Amino acid sequence: MSFAHPLLFKSLCYVNGHWLHSASGTSIAVDNPATREAIGHVPLLDREQIVAAVDAAAAAFPAWRARTLDERGALLRRWAELIRQHREDLAQILSLEQGKPLVEALGEIDYAASFIPWFAEEARRLNGRNIPSHIPNAHLGTVVEPVGVAALLTPWNFPSAMITRKAAAALAAGCTVVVKPAHETPYSAFALAQLAEEAGFPAGVFNVVLGEPQMAMETLVGDTRVRAVSFTGSTRVGKLVLQAAARDVKKVALELGGNAPFIVLPDADLEQAVQFALDAKFQTSGQDCCAANRILVARELYEPFLQRFARAVRDLRVGPASDSRSQIGPLMHQGAFDVTCERVQDAITQGARLLAGGEPHALGGWFHQPTVLADVTPQMRIWREENFAPIAGISAYDDLDEAVRQANDTEYGLAAYLCGQRLDHIWPLMRRLEFAMVAVNGARFTGHPIPFGGMKASGLGREGGSEGFEPFVETKYFALHHGAI
């Protein structure tokens, strides 16, 4: 491994401006999913060391919140500038530990950097307000205050962008943060900490810790000085985070699982629908909470769509990030690979038609063929479960009411997609879908100015947009009595 900035590839946690080993010497290997070989070992901190990170963040909070918006904004913009300056190294690190093709990794680094200056500027609009008084001789109003220390628990599928999307909002609002990345992808977090240090963040403002996952989560969320928790990950773990945070009523944002429908309307342009569905399903090799898991096609377009879509999927190039032509990378770990194989077999056993893929890839390891399964039904696991894999399940529907019922037939409510031409169909259908985000005639919809988040079992709160500040601020009301004038 060769990097233009070698200090970015660090195997140490970052607490109070210092790089730390585990006090007990405990470490864990981080594997490259493409080769299943270790790229390094990283420390698992002890409980006392994680508490020390909260100590540092709590101690740094008063001075950080007292800085002007311009001062905080200048440091954040410098951080973003350094991320862009070193995007190739950061993308290489991300690809090594996460497995996504290099072109996608470069896109994630750009995506990650975009949140930081946006929140630095948007913080200027964290305004209080004047309230016309109903109380004689009193001035009424509100101010917006940072909540304090924020714990940011981030996933492995977007190991850089999910840190900056959370941290930029928290830091711009005046909070200090403790980041706990996924243990599968810690190197991206350590690299961001290195650049935060180079940008000039004061000690204790930005901390990155790893520990045994349950212990680390419980330590951070259970600490009374942590006043906000932002978590991205599975619904199962999100419920545990919410339960732990409820003990002392913390502010919580949860971005959880998804089971996105992609509805092809009867008047859709077939070639466009195939391309949009391909993009929506196979981004991040299908390991994306917004991936189109259930593709629902109008009956009259069903067979032509299947033929074109399966042909396009068979043309996708599978390979490691080191191959610049790769479009589909490996699954993240053995568990993800095993459950993918199980879901494919379950669908075929229950009558699904296999139109493409369906097997482990000839590359071996955790690579799986991009797969198309037709005639998928609600009894199949591929319909009911979130499929973090390059597997597309496709079903036909006969009318729009049926399409809505099929789409909403899930506990999740994160993202949905529509493809069609008639606004009189698209608009009411979009309103009836029980999903917090709906993309029409395209697969791209995320970004720094939009409120990203879910309904139902897909989460609470929003990230990005002005709404992204909500977990990290409180509105304080005041009544200033001033006597007769």
Protein backbone atom coordinates (compact mmCIF):
# COMPACT_ATOMS: atom_id res chain seq x y z
CA MET A 1 0.00 0.00 0.00
CA SER A 2 1.38 3.37 -1.04
CA PHE A 3 -0.12 6.72 -0.12
CA ALA A 4 0.88 10.26 -1.02
CA HIS A 5 0.13 11.19 2.61
CA PRO A 6 1.27 8.11 4.60
CA LEU A 7 0.00 9.49 7.94
CA LEU A 8 -3.57 8.99 6.71
CA PHE A 9 -3.26 5.22 7.11
CA LYS A 10 -3.24 5.01 10.89
CA SER A 11 -3.99 2.07 13.17
CA LEU A 12 -4.70 4.08 16.32
CA CYS A 13 -7.72 5.64 17.98
CA TYR A 14 -7.82 9.40 18.51
CA VAL A 15 -8.77 10.85 21.91
CA ASN A 16 -8.17 14.38 23.23
CA GLY A 17 -5.63 15.11 20.52
CA HIS A 18 -3.61 11.94 21.13
CA TRP A 19 -3.27 8.69 19.16
CA LEU A 20 -3.98 5.68 21.38
CA HIS A 21 -3.34 1.94 21.55
CA SER A 22 -5.61 -0.21 23.68
CA ALA A 23 -4.54 -0.10 27.32
CA SER A 24 -5.06 -3.85 27.53
CA GLY A 25 -3.35 -4.55 24.22
CA THR A 26 -6.56 -5.85 22.61
CA SER A 27 -6.77 -5.46 18.85
CA ILE A 28 -8.77 -6.76 15.90
CA ALA A 29 -7.86 -7.48 12.29
CA VAL A 30 -9.42 -5.46 9.48
CA ASP A 31 -9.86 -7.49 6.31
CA ASN A 32 -9.94 -6.42 2.68
CA PRO A 33 -13.26 -7.95 1.53
CA ALA A 34 -11.86 -8.49 -1.98
CA THR A 35 -9.00 -10.71 -0.78
CA ARG A 36 -10.14 -11.68 2.73
CA GLU A 37 -6.61 -10.80 3.84
CA ALA A 38 -5.88 -8.50 6.79
CA ILE A 39 -4.80 -4.99 5.85
CA GLY A 40 -3.90 -4.24 9.46
CA HIS A 41 -4.86 -4.51 13.11
CA VAL A 42 -6.59 -1.77 15.09
CA PRO A 43 -7.00 -1.31 18.85
CA LEU A 44 -10.15 -2.09 20.79
CA LEU A 45 -10.10 0.42 23.62
CA ASP A 46 -11.06 -0.49 27.17
CA ARG A 47 -14.17 0.97 28.77
CA GLU A 48 -12.06 3.44 30.76
CA GLN A 49 -10.49 4.75 27.55
CA ILE A 50 -13.88 5.30 25.95
CA VAL A 51 -15.01 7.14 29.09
CA ALA A 52 -11.85 9.24 28.72
CA ALA A 53 -12.98 10.23 25.24
CA VAL A 54 -16.26 11.50 26.71
CA ASP A 55 -14.21 13.28 29.41
CA ALA A 56 -12.23 15.02 26.68
CA ALA A 57 -15.29 15.99 24.65
CA ALA A 58 -17.07 17.31 27.75
CA ALA A 59 -14.03 19.35 28.79
CA ALA A 60 -13.64 20.80 25.28
CA PHE A 61 -17.32 21.71 24.88
CA PRO A 62 -17.46 25.07 26.74
CA ALA A 63 -14.61 26.61 24.74
CA TRP A 64 -15.82 25.13 21.44
CA ARG A 65 -19.37 26.42 21.84
CA ALA A 66 -17.98 29.84 22.81
CA ARG A 67 -16.12 30.18 19.51
CA THR A 68 -17.81 32.34 16.91
CA LEU A 69 -19.51 30.79 13.93
CA ASP A 70 -16.76 32.23 11.76
CA GLU A 71 -14.07 30.53 13.85
CA ARG A 72 -15.78 27.16 13.85
CA GLY A 73 -16.64 27.56 10.17
CA ALA A 74 -13.04 28.32 9.21
CA LEU A 75 -11.84 25.09 10.85
CA LEU A 76 -14.60 23.06 9.22
CA ARG A 77 -13.85 24.50 5.79
CA ARG A 78 -10.16 23.74 6.24
CA TRP A 79 -11.09 20.15 7.13
CA ALA A 80 -13.17 19.85 3.94
CA GLU A 81 -10.36 21.37 1.89
CA LEU A 82 -7.91 18.77 3.22
CA ILE A 83 -10.37 15.95 2.50
CA ARG A 84 -10.65 17.10 -1.12
CA GLN A 85 -6.89 17.58 -1.35
CA HIS A 86 -6.28 13.97 -0.28
CA ARG A 87 -9.31 12.36 -1.96
CA GLU A 88 -7.27 9.75 -3.84
CA ASP A 89 -5.61 8.47 -0.66
CA LEU A 90 -8.90 8.52 1.23
CA ALA A 91 -10.65 6.65 -1.58
CA GLN A 92 -7.91 4.04 -1.68
CA ILE A 93 -8.20 3.49 2.08
CA LEU A 94 -11.97 3.25 1.80
CA SER A 95 -11.78 0.71 -1.03
CA LEU A 96 -9.22 -1.40 0.83
CA GLU A 97 -11.38 -1.82 3.91
CA GLN A 98 -14.87 -1.63 2.40
CA GLY A 99 -14.37 -3.25 -1.00
CA LYS A 100 -16.35 -0.79 -3.13
CA PRO A 101 -14.94 -0.02 -6.60
CA LEU A 102 -12.53 2.89 -6.66
CA VAL A 103 -14.79 5.12 -8.75
CA GLU A 104 -17.53 4.74 -6.11
CA ALA A 105 -15.02 5.35 -3.32
CA LEU A 106 -13.90 8.60 -4.98
CA GLY A 107 -17.56 9.59 -5.25
CA GLU A 108 -18.06 8.92 -1.56
CA ILE A 109 -15.10 11.10 -0.58
CA ASP A 110 -16.52 13.98 -2.62
CA TYR A 111 -19.93 13.32 -1.05
CA ALA A 112 -18.36 13.28 2.42
CA ALA A 113 -16.55 16.57 1.86
CA SER A 114 -19.71 18.29 0.58
CA PHE A 115 -21.49 18.18 3.95
CA ILE A 116 -18.83 20.12 5.84
CA PRO A 117 -18.85 23.60 4.24
CA TRP A 118 -22.61 23.35 3.78
CA PHE A 119 -23.25 22.89 7.51
CA ALA A 120 -20.59 25.49 8.33
CA GLU A 121 -22.61 28.01 6.35
CA GLU A 122 -26.08 26.77 7.31
CA ALA A 123 -25.20 27.21 10.99
CA ARG A 124 -25.61 30.96 10.39
CA ARG A 125 -29.32 30.29 10.16
CA LEU A 126 -29.65 28.66 13.57
CA ASN A 127 -31.66 31.69 14.56
CA GLY A 128 -33.78 32.31 17.58
CA ARG A 129 -36.85 34.51 17.31
CA ASN A 130 -38.60 37.40 18.95
CA ILE A 131 -42.02 36.53 20.39
CA PRO A 132 -44.58 39.34 20.70
CA SER A 133 -45.21 39.47 24.40
CA HIS A 134 -48.48 38.74 26.15
CA ILE A 135 -46.81 39.56 29.49
CA PRO A 136 -46.58 43.22 30.51
CA ASN A 137 -43.04 44.64 30.69
CA ALA A 138 -41.37 41.48 29.42
CA HIS A 139 -39.41 40.63 26.34
CA LEU A 140 -39.95 37.06 25.06
CA GLY A 141 -37.84 35.08 22.65
CA THR A 142 -35.80 32.01 21.89
CA VAL A 143 -32.16 31.16 21.31
CA VAL A 144 -30.72 27.96 19.81
CA GLU A 145 -28.15 26.18 21.97
CA PRO A 146 -25.85 23.22 21.23
CA VAL A 147 -26.77 20.20 23.34
CA GLY A 148 -23.21 19.26 24.37
CA VAL A 149 -21.35 16.03 23.68
CA ALA A 150 -22.64 13.95 20.76
CA ALA A 151 -21.92 10.26 20.18
CA LEU A 152 -21.84 9.38 16.48
CA LEU A 153 -22.19 5.66 15.68
CA THR A 154 -21.46 5.02 12.02
CA PRO A 155 -21.77 2.05 9.61
CA TRP A 156 -19.39 0.20 7.29
CA ASN A 157 -21.13 0.79 3.96
CA PHE A 158 -20.38 4.54 3.83
CA PRO A 159 -17.51 4.81 6.32
CA SER A 160 -16.48 8.37 5.40
CA ALA A 161 -19.71 10.10 4.39
CA MET A 162 -21.72 8.97 7.40
CA ILE A 163 -19.11 10.49 9.70
CA THR A 164 -19.01 13.88 8.00
CA ARG A 165 -22.79 14.09 7.58
CA LYS A 166 -23.21 13.73 11.32
CA ALA A 167 -20.06 15.45 12.57
CA ALA A 168 -20.33 18.53 10.36
CA ALA A 169 -23.79 19.33 11.72
CA ALA A 170 -22.79 18.68 15.33
CA LEU A 171 -19.52 20.63 15.17
CA ALA A 172 -21.02 23.57 13.29
CA ALA A 173 -23.78 23.83 15.91
CA GLY A 174 -21.17 23.98 18.68
CA CYS A 175 -21.19 20.37 19.93
CA THR A 176 -18.13 18.20 20.49
CA VAL A 177 -18.18 14.63 19.20
CA VAL A 178 -17.05 11.09 19.90
CA VAL A 179 -17.18 8.95 16.75
CA LYS A 180 -17.46 5.16 16.97
CA PRO A 181 -17.03 3.72 13.46
CA ALA A 182 -17.84 0.16 12.47
CA HIS A 183 -15.00 -2.18 13.37
CA GLU A 184 -14.98 -3.44 9.76
CA THR A 185 -14.03 0.02 8.42
CA PRO A 186 -12.11 2.04 11.03
CA TYR A 187 -9.29 3.29 8.80
CA SER A 188 -11.49 5.84 7.03
CA ALA A 189 -12.44 7.29 10.42
CA PHE A 190 -8.82 7.46 11.58
CA ALA A 191 -7.88 9.22 8.33
CA LEU A 192 -10.60 11.83 8.89
CA ALA A 193 -9.30 12.33 12.44
CA GLN A 194 -5.78 12.90 11.07
CA LEU A 195 -7.10 15.59 8.74
CA ALA A 196 -9.19 17.14 11.52
CA GLU A 197 -6.00 17.42 13.57
CA GLU A 198 -4.18 19.00 10.62
CA ALA A 199 -7.08 21.41 10.13
CA GLY A 200 -6.49 22.67 13.68
CA PHE A 201 -9.42 21.31 15.66
CA PRO A 202 -8.71 21.76 19.38
CA ALA A 203 -8.02 18.64 21.43
CA GLY A 204 -11.20 16.91 22.57
CA VAL A 205 -13.48 18.40 19.92
CA PHE A 206 -13.26 15.44 17.52
CA ASN A 207 -12.53 11.97 18.93
CA VAL A 208 -12.58 8.51 17.32
CA VAL A 209 -12.84 5.35 19.42
CA LEU A 210 -13.17 1.63 18.81
CA GLY A 211 -14.08 -1.01 21.36
CA GLU A 212 -15.95 -4.26 21.65
CA PRO A 213 -19.11 -3.14 19.79
CA GLN A 214 -21.79 -3.67 22.46
CA MET A 215 -19.58 -2.38 25.25
CA ALA A 216 -18.59 0.71 23.26
CA MET A 217 -22.18 1.51 22.36
CA GLU A 218 -23.43 1.02 25.91
CA THR A 219 -20.58 3.08 27.36
CA LEU A 220 -21.17 6.03 25.05
CA VAL A 221 -24.97 5.99 25.05
CA GLY A 222 -25.11 5.30 28.79
CA ASP A 223 -22.88 8.22 29.77
CA THR A 224 -25.06 11.02 31.14
CA ARG A 225 -22.73 13.65 29.69
CA VAL A 226 -23.53 12.46 26.16
CA ARG A 227 -26.62 14.47 25.28
CA ALA A 228 -27.16 13.43 21.66
CA VAL A 229 -26.77 10.11 19.86
CA SER A 230 -26.79 9.70 16.09
CA PHE A 231 -26.77 6.13 14.82
CA THR A 232 -26.76 4.64 11.33
CA GLY A 233 -27.11 0.87 11.06
CA SER A 234 -29.57 -1.97 11.36
CA THR A 235 -33.05 -1.60 12.81
CA ARG A 236 -32.26 -4.32 15.36
CA VAL A 237 -29.29 -2.41 16.79
CA GLY A 238 -31.08 0.92 16.41
CA LYS A 239 -33.79 -0.28 18.78
CA LEU A 240 -31.11 -1.15 21.34
CA VAL A 241 -29.58 2.31 20.97
CA LEU A 242 -32.98 3.92 21.43
CA GLN A 243 -33.67 1.88 24.57
CA ALA A 244 -30.29 2.82 26.04
CA ALA A 245 -30.73 6.50 25.18
CA ALA A 246 -34.17 6.56 26.79
CA ARG A 247 -32.69 5.99 30.25
CA ASP A 248 -31.69 9.63 30.53
CA VAL A 249 -33.80 11.02 27.66
CA LYS A 250 -31.10 11.91 25.15
CA LYS A 251 -31.76 13.43 21.78
CA VAL A 252 -31.60 10.62 19.21
CA ALA A 253 -31.36 10.36 15.44
CA LEU A 254 -31.63 6.89 13.91
CA GLU A 255 -31.03 6.10 10.24
CA LEU A 256 -31.91 2.42 10.01
CA GLY A 257 -32.73 -0.28 7.49
CA GLY A 258 -34.66 -0.08 4.26
CA ASN A 259 -36.57 -2.25 1.80
CA ALA A 260 -37.11 0.15 -1.06
CA PRO A 261 -39.70 -0.49 -3.78
CA PHE A 262 -39.04 0.61 -7.36
CA ILE A 263 -42.33 1.01 -9.22
CA VAL A 264 -42.34 0.97 -13.02
CA LEU A 265 -45.59 2.62 -14.13
CA PRO A 266 -47.46 1.48 -17.26
CA ASP A 267 -46.40 4.56 -19.25
CA ALA A 268 -42.72 4.39 -18.29
CA ASP A 269 -40.01 4.60 -20.91
CA LEU A 270 -38.70 1.04 -20.82
CA GLU A 271 -35.04 1.79 -21.52
CA GLN A 272 -35.02 4.56 -18.90
CA ALA A 273 -36.75 2.31 -16.38
CA VAL A 274 -34.13 -0.40 -16.84
CA GLN A 275 -31.24 2.03 -16.39
CA PHE A 276 -32.77 3.76 -13.38
CA ALA A 277 -33.55 0.43 -11.74
CA LEU A 278 -30.02 -0.81 -12.44
CA ASP A 279 -28.58 2.30 -10.79
CA ALA A 280 -30.97 2.15 -7.83
CA LYS A 281 -30.34 -1.54 -7.13
CA PHE A 282 -26.63 -2.01 -7.68
CA GLN A 283 -25.10 1.15 -6.19
CA THR A 284 -22.57 0.15 -3.51
CA SER A 285 -22.93 -3.43 -4.81
CA GLY A 286 -26.43 -3.45 -3.36
CA GLN A 287 -25.07 -2.83 0.16
CA ASP A 288 -27.06 0.36 0.57
CA CYS A 289 -30.09 1.04 2.76
CA CYS A 290 -31.65 2.93 -0.18
CA ALA A 291 -31.08 0.13 -2.70
CA ALA A 292 -34.15 -0.89 -4.71
CA ASN A 293 -34.87 -4.28 -3.15
CA ARG A 294 -38.29 -4.91 -4.72
CA ILE A 295 -38.84 -3.91 -8.34
CA LEU A 296 -42.56 -3.76 -9.15
CA VAL A 297 -43.42 -3.62 -12.86
CA ALA A 298 -46.75 -3.02 -14.58
CA ARG A 299 -47.98 -6.30 -16.06
CA GLU A 300 -47.93 -5.05 -19.66
CA LEU A 301 -44.23 -4.12 -19.37
CA TYR A 302 -43.17 -7.05 -17.20
CA GLU A 303 -41.61 -9.53 -19.63
CA PRO A 304 -39.89 -6.89 -21.83
CA PHE A 305 -38.50 -5.26 -18.69
CA LEU A 306 -37.22 -8.60 -17.38
CA GLN A 307 -35.41 -9.39 -20.62
CA ARG A 308 -33.67 -6.01 -20.82
CA PHE A 309 -32.88 -5.78 -17.12
CA ALA A 310 -31.44 -9.29 -16.88
CA ARG A 311 -29.25 -8.62 -19.93
CA ALA A 312 -27.94 -5.40 -18.35
CA VAL A 313 -27.23 -7.15 -15.04
CA ARG A 314 -25.30 -9.94 -16.79
CA ASP A 315 -23.09 -7.23 -18.31
CA LEU A 316 -22.09 -5.77 -14.93
CA ARG A 317 -18.39 -6.28 -14.24
CA VAL A 318 -17.54 -7.84 -10.88
CA GLY A 319 -14.10 -7.32 -9.43
CA PRO A 320 -11.89 -5.81 -6.74
CA ALA A 321 -11.38 -2.07 -6.36
CA SER A 322 -7.88 -2.49 -7.78
CA ASP A 323 -9.50 -3.18 -11.17
CA SER A 324 -10.61 0.20 -12.50
CA ARG A 325 -13.27 -1.50 -14.63
CA SER A 326 -15.08 -3.03 -11.62
CA GLN A 327 -18.71 -2.06 -11.09
CA ILE A 328 -19.65 -4.59 -8.40
CA GLY A 329 -17.39 -5.30 -5.45
CA PRO A 330 -17.40 -8.06 -2.83
CA LEU A 331 -19.83 -8.47 0.01
CA MET A 332 -18.56 -7.12 3.30
CA HIS A 333 -17.97 -10.31 5.28
CA GLN A 334 -18.76 -14.01 5.54
CA GLY A 335 -22.09 -13.45 7.26
CA ALA A 336 -23.30 -11.17 4.45
CA PHE A 337 -22.16 -13.68 1.86
CA ASP A 338 -23.87 -16.62 3.57
CA VAL A 339 -27.22 -14.90 4.00
CA THR A 340 -27.14 -13.76 0.38
CA CYS A 341 -26.76 -17.35 -0.80
CA GLU A 342 -29.57 -18.42 1.55
CA ARG A 343 -31.98 -15.76 0.25
CA VAL A 344 -31.34 -16.68 -3.38
CA GLN A 345 -31.93 -20.37 -2.69
CA ASP A 346 -35.07 -19.61 -0.66
CA ALA A 347 -36.55 -17.63 -3.54
CA ILE A 348 -35.75 -20.31 -6.15
CA THR A 349 -37.14 -23.05 -3.91
CA GLN A 350 -40.41 -21.09 -3.59
CA GLY A 351 -40.79 -20.62 -7.35
CA ALA A 352 -38.83 -17.54 -8.36
CA ARG A 353 -37.36 -17.59 -11.87
CA LEU A 354 -33.59 -17.13 -11.97
CA LEU A 355 -32.76 -14.85 -14.91
CA ALA A 356 -29.18 -13.88 -14.11
CA GLY A 357 -26.48 -14.86 -11.65
CA GLY A 358 -27.59 -16.80 -8.61
CA GLU A 359 -24.24 -18.24 -7.63
CA PRO A 360 -21.05 -17.29 -5.82
CA HIS A 361 -18.75 -15.58 -8.32
CA ALA A 362 -15.82 -17.37 -9.91
CA LEU A 363 -13.51 -14.86 -8.23
CA GLY A 364 -14.24 -16.71 -4.99
CA GLY A 365 -14.15 -15.18 -1.53
CA TRP A 366 -17.07 -12.90 -0.76
CA PHE A 367 -17.87 -12.06 -4.39
CA HIS A 368 -21.37 -12.97 -5.55
CA GLN A 369 -22.80 -12.81 -9.05
CA PRO A 370 -25.25 -9.95 -9.66
CA THR A 371 -28.57 -11.75 -9.57
CA VAL A 372 -32.05 -11.25 -11.02
CA LEU A 373 -35.02 -13.17 -9.63
CA ALA A 374 -38.43 -12.82 -11.27
CA ASP A 375 -41.90 -13.65 -9.93
CA VAL A 376 -40.89 -12.81 -6.37
CA THR A 377 -43.70 -13.13 -3.80
CA PRO A 378 -44.22 -11.77 -0.28
CA GLN A 379 -43.52 -15.20 1.22
CA MET A 380 -39.90 -15.09 0.07
CA ARG A 381 -37.09 -13.77 2.26
CA ILE A 382 -35.87 -11.54 -0.54
CA TRP A 383 -39.20 -9.67 -0.30
CA ARG A 384 -39.47 -9.48 3.47
CA GLU A 385 -35.86 -8.78 4.43
CA GLU A 386 -33.44 -5.98 3.68
CA ASN A 387 -31.08 -7.39 1.05
CA PHE A 388 -27.62 -5.87 1.43
CA ALA A 389 -26.42 -7.64 -1.71
CA PRO A 390 -26.42 -7.43 -5.54
CA ILE A 391 -29.74 -9.31 -5.78
CA ALA A 392 -32.78 -7.86 -7.55
CA GLY A 393 -36.23 -9.30 -6.90
CA ILE A 394 -38.92 -8.40 -9.47
CA SER A 395 -42.71 -8.77 -9.38
CA ALA A 396 -45.61 -7.77 -11.62
CA TYR A 397 -48.69 -5.78 -10.62
CA ASP A 398 -52.02 -5.25 -12.36
CA ASP A 399 -53.16 -1.80 -11.17
CA LEU A 400 -51.79 1.14 -9.19
CA ASP A 401 -53.70 0.25 -6.03
CA GLU A 402 -52.00 -3.14 -6.05
CA ALA A 403 -48.63 -1.46 -6.64
CA VAL A 404 -49.13 0.74 -3.57
CA ARG A 405 -50.15 -2.25 -1.42
CA GLN A 406 -47.11 -4.21 -2.56
CA ALA A 407 -44.77 -1.28 -2.04
CA ASN A 408 -46.04 -0.52 1.45
CA ASP A 409 -45.95 -4.20 2.47
CA THR A 410 -42.86 -3.80 4.67
CA GLU A 411 -41.96 -2.59 8.13
CA TYR A 412 -39.45 -0.20 6.57
CA GLY A 413 -40.09 3.30 5.26
CA LEU A 414 -36.85 4.83 4.03
CA ALA A 415 -36.72 5.27 0.24
CA ALA A 416 -38.92 4.48 -2.76
CA TYR A 417 -38.58 4.99 -6.51
CA LEU A 418 -41.11 5.73 -9.25
CA CYS A 419 -40.59 5.61 -13.00
CA GLY A 420 -43.29 6.98 -15.30
CA GLN A 421 -44.45 9.96 -17.36
CA ARG A 422 -47.91 10.97 -16.15
CA LEU A 423 -47.88 13.47 -13.31
CA ASP A 424 -51.50 12.67 -12.47
CA HIS A 425 -50.31 9.15 -11.59
CA ILE A 426 -46.94 10.05 -10.10
CA TRP A 427 -48.09 12.72 -7.65
CA PRO A 428 -50.90 10.83 -5.86
CA LEU A 429 -48.83 7.64 -5.89
CA MET A 430 -45.88 9.44 -4.30
CA ARG A 431 -48.17 10.77 -1.57
CA ARG A 432 -49.59 7.31 -0.81
CA LEU A 433 -46.21 5.62 -0.44
CA GLU A 434 -45.22 5.13 3.22
CA PHE A 435 -41.61 6.15 2.67
CA ALA A 436 -39.82 9.30 3.77
CA MET A 437 -37.94 9.82 0.50
CA VAL A 438 -39.24 9.25 -3.03
CA ALA A 439 -37.14 9.56 -6.18
CA VAL A 440 -38.96 9.95 -9.50
CA ASN A 441 -37.34 9.03 -12.83
CA GLY A 442 -33.84 8.79 -11.43
CA ALA A 443 -31.78 6.99 -8.82
CA ARG A 444 -29.81 9.93 -7.45
CA PHE A 445 -31.49 11.92 -4.68
CA THR A 446 -29.18 12.23 -1.68
CA GLY A 447 -26.87 15.16 -0.89
CA HIS A 448 -25.98 17.82 1.64
CA PRO A 449 -29.11 20.02 1.31
CA ILE A 450 -31.73 17.26 1.59
CA PRO A 451 -33.35 15.87 4.78
CA PHE A 452 -32.25 12.23 4.70
CA GLY A 453 -34.10 9.81 6.95
CA GLY A 454 -36.88 7.28 7.29
CA MET A 455 -40.34 6.49 8.59
CA LYS A 456 -41.58 3.43 10.48
CA ALA A 457 -38.76 0.97 11.30
CA SER A 458 -36.36 2.96 9.13
CA GLY A 459 -35.65 5.49 11.83
CA LEU A 460 -36.19 8.80 13.57
CA GLY A 461 -35.04 12.27 12.65
CA ARG A 462 -33.21 13.53 9.59
CA GLU A 463 -29.61 14.04 8.50
CA GLY A 464 -28.56 16.64 5.95
CA GLY A 465 -30.52 19.77 5.16
CA SER A 466 -31.36 22.30 7.83
CA GLU A 467 -33.13 19.44 9.62
CA GLY A 468 -29.72 17.83 10.16
CA PHE A 469 -29.07 20.17 13.08
CA GLU A 470 -32.10 18.96 15.03
CA PRO A 471 -30.39 16.17 17.04
CA PHE A 472 -27.63 18.54 18.15
CA VAL A 473 -29.50 21.67 19.29
CA GLU A 474 -32.13 22.74 21.77
CA THR A 475 -34.47 25.72 21.61
CA LYS A 476 -34.25 27.77 24.78
CA TYR A 477 -37.13 30.13 25.56
CA PHE A 478 -36.64 33.22 27.72
CA ALA A 479 -38.92 35.78 29.36
CA LEU A 480 -36.92 38.92 30.17
CA HIS A 481 -38.84 41.09 32.64
CA HIS A 482 -37.67 44.70 32.62
CA GLY A 483 -40.09 46.78 34.66
CA ALA A 484 -42.20 49.69 33.49
CA ILE A 485 -40.87 51.82 30.62
